[in-house]
Amino acid sequence: MGCEWLKGPNGEVVHLNVGRGRGKMMKCKFCRQNYRQNEGKLCDFPMGDGKTCDAEMCGACAVNLGAQRIKVGECGFTKLDTFDVCPDHRTAVFSAGEWRMPE
């Protein structure tokens, strides 16, 4: 959220910051603090079909479970990104090649 990666006509990769400006104040789903002023993050827990939870949370509510390398565009460019989850998914474990919630 807040940025976008685009592939140019000559194959170059471009990063654009497309923040929301001074629009509506965004609040953490869990503690209701200002999301943007407190290291705002989105939950990266996989929900299936290539989608993630995307719960908006502040840095205090987020739990970092490690880092992941993600592919950006078709050119094979990758970047290192943190794997942050919301309080609902903080007990997740990586088992048999996928993230799961304990039973």
Protein backbone atom coordinates (compact mmCIF):
# COMPACT_ATOMS: atom_id res chain seq x y z
CA MET A 1 0.00 0.00 0.00
CA GLY A 2 1.23 3.48 -0.80
CA CYS A 3 3.55 2.42 -3.62
CA GLU A 4 3.39 0.73 -6.98
CA TRP A 5 5.95 -1.07 -9.14
CA LEU A 6 5.58 -0.65 -12.91
CA LYS A 7 7.44 -2.08 -15.87
CA GLY A 8 8.31 0.54 -18.48
CA PRO A 9 8.15 0.14 -22.26
CA ASN A 10 11.89 -0.63 -22.47
CA GLY A 11 11.81 -3.23 -19.68
CA GLU A 12 12.94 -0.93 -16.87
CA VAL A 13 11.25 -1.23 -13.48
CA VAL A 14 9.90 1.96 -11.92
CA HIS A 15 8.79 2.53 -8.32
CA LEU A 16 6.02 5.11 -7.81
CA ASN A 17 4.90 6.43 -4.45
CA VAL A 18 1.12 6.76 -4.76
CA GLY A 19 0.26 7.59 -1.16
CA ARG A 20 -3.14 8.88 -0.19
CA GLY A 21 -1.93 12.37 0.61
CA ARG A 22 -3.76 14.12 3.44
CA GLY A 23 -6.97 12.17 3.05
CA LYS A 24 -8.90 10.22 5.66
CA MET A 25 -6.94 9.27 8.79
CA MET A 26 -6.34 5.53 8.71
CA LYS A 27 -6.52 3.67 12.04
CA CYS A 28 -5.02 0.38 13.16
CA LYS A 29 -7.72 -2.30 13.11
CA PHE A 30 -6.61 -3.56 16.53
CA CYS A 31 -5.63 -0.57 18.73
CA ARG A 32 -7.24 2.27 16.72
CA GLN A 33 -3.99 4.31 16.67
CA ASN A 34 -3.13 6.41 13.61
CA TYR A 35 -1.96 3.81 11.09
CA ARG A 36 0.32 6.06 9.01
CA GLN A 37 2.12 7.77 11.89
CA ASN A 38 2.96 4.48 13.66
CA GLU A 39 4.87 2.46 11.03
CA GLY A 40 1.72 1.33 9.21
CA LYS A 41 1.78 -2.20 7.79
CA LEU A 42 -0.57 -4.66 6.14
CA CYS A 43 -0.88 -8.27 7.29
CA ASP A 44 0.98 -10.62 4.91
CA PHE A 45 -0.70 -13.85 6.06
CA PRO A 46 -1.77 -15.87 2.98
CA MET A 47 -5.53 -16.41 2.71
CA GLY A 48 -5.55 -18.51 -0.48
CA ASP A 49 -5.86 -17.75 -4.21
CA GLY A 50 -2.76 -15.53 -4.00
CA LYS A 51 -4.44 -13.08 -1.59
CA THR A 52 -3.29 -11.95 1.85
CA CYS A 53 -5.18 -10.82 4.97
CA ASP A 54 -4.18 -7.14 4.42
CA ALA A 55 -5.49 -6.01 7.83
CA GLU A 56 -4.25 -2.46 8.45
CA MET A 57 -2.15 -2.30 11.62
CA CYS A 58 0.38 -0.07 13.33
CA GLY A 59 3.96 -1.15 13.97
CA ALA A 60 3.19 -1.91 17.64
CA CYS A 61 0.47 -4.44 16.76
CA ALA A 62 2.40 -6.05 13.90
CA VAL A 63 4.50 -9.16 14.50
CA ASN A 64 7.45 -9.76 12.19
CA LEU A 65 7.80 -13.47 11.38
CA GLY A 66 10.84 -13.02 9.13
CA ALA A 67 11.66 -11.89 5.62
CA GLN A 68 10.65 -13.08 2.18
CA ARG A 69 11.95 -12.45 -1.32
CA ILE A 70 9.16 -11.43 -3.68
CA LYS A 71 9.11 -11.20 -7.47
CA VAL A 72 8.33 -7.77 -8.91
CA GLY A 73 7.04 -7.67 -12.48
CA GLU A 74 7.88 -9.97 -15.38
CA CYS A 75 11.60 -9.10 -15.65
CA GLY A 76 12.72 -11.40 -12.81
CA PHE A 77 13.53 -8.54 -10.42
CA THR A 78 13.09 -9.52 -6.76
CA LYS A 79 13.11 -7.51 -3.57
CA LEU A 80 13.44 -8.41 0.09
CA ASP A 81 10.29 -7.71 2.09
CA THR A 82 9.39 -8.32 5.73
CA PHE A 83 6.69 -10.87 6.58
CA ASP A 84 4.47 -9.04 9.07
CA VAL A 85 1.24 -10.46 10.48
CA CYS A 86 -1.65 -9.06 12.52
CA PRO A 87 -2.53 -10.19 16.07
CA ASP A 88 -5.10 -12.62 14.63
CA HIS A 89 -2.35 -14.50 12.76
CA ARG A 90 0.64 -14.10 15.14
CA THR A 91 0.53 -17.77 16.17
CA ALA A 92 0.99 -18.96 12.57
CA VAL A 93 3.65 -21.57 11.85
CA PHE A 94 5.44 -22.50 8.63
CA SER A 95 5.03 -26.22 8.02
CA ALA A 96 5.25 -28.43 4.92
CA GLY A 97 6.00 -25.43 2.67
CA GLU A 98 3.07 -23.25 3.72
CA TRP A 99 1.86 -20.98 6.52
CA ARG A 100 -0.78 -22.52 8.80
CA MET A 101 -2.68 -21.59 11.91
CA PRO A 102 -2.28 -24.06 14.81
CA GLU A 103 -5.33 -26.14 15.64
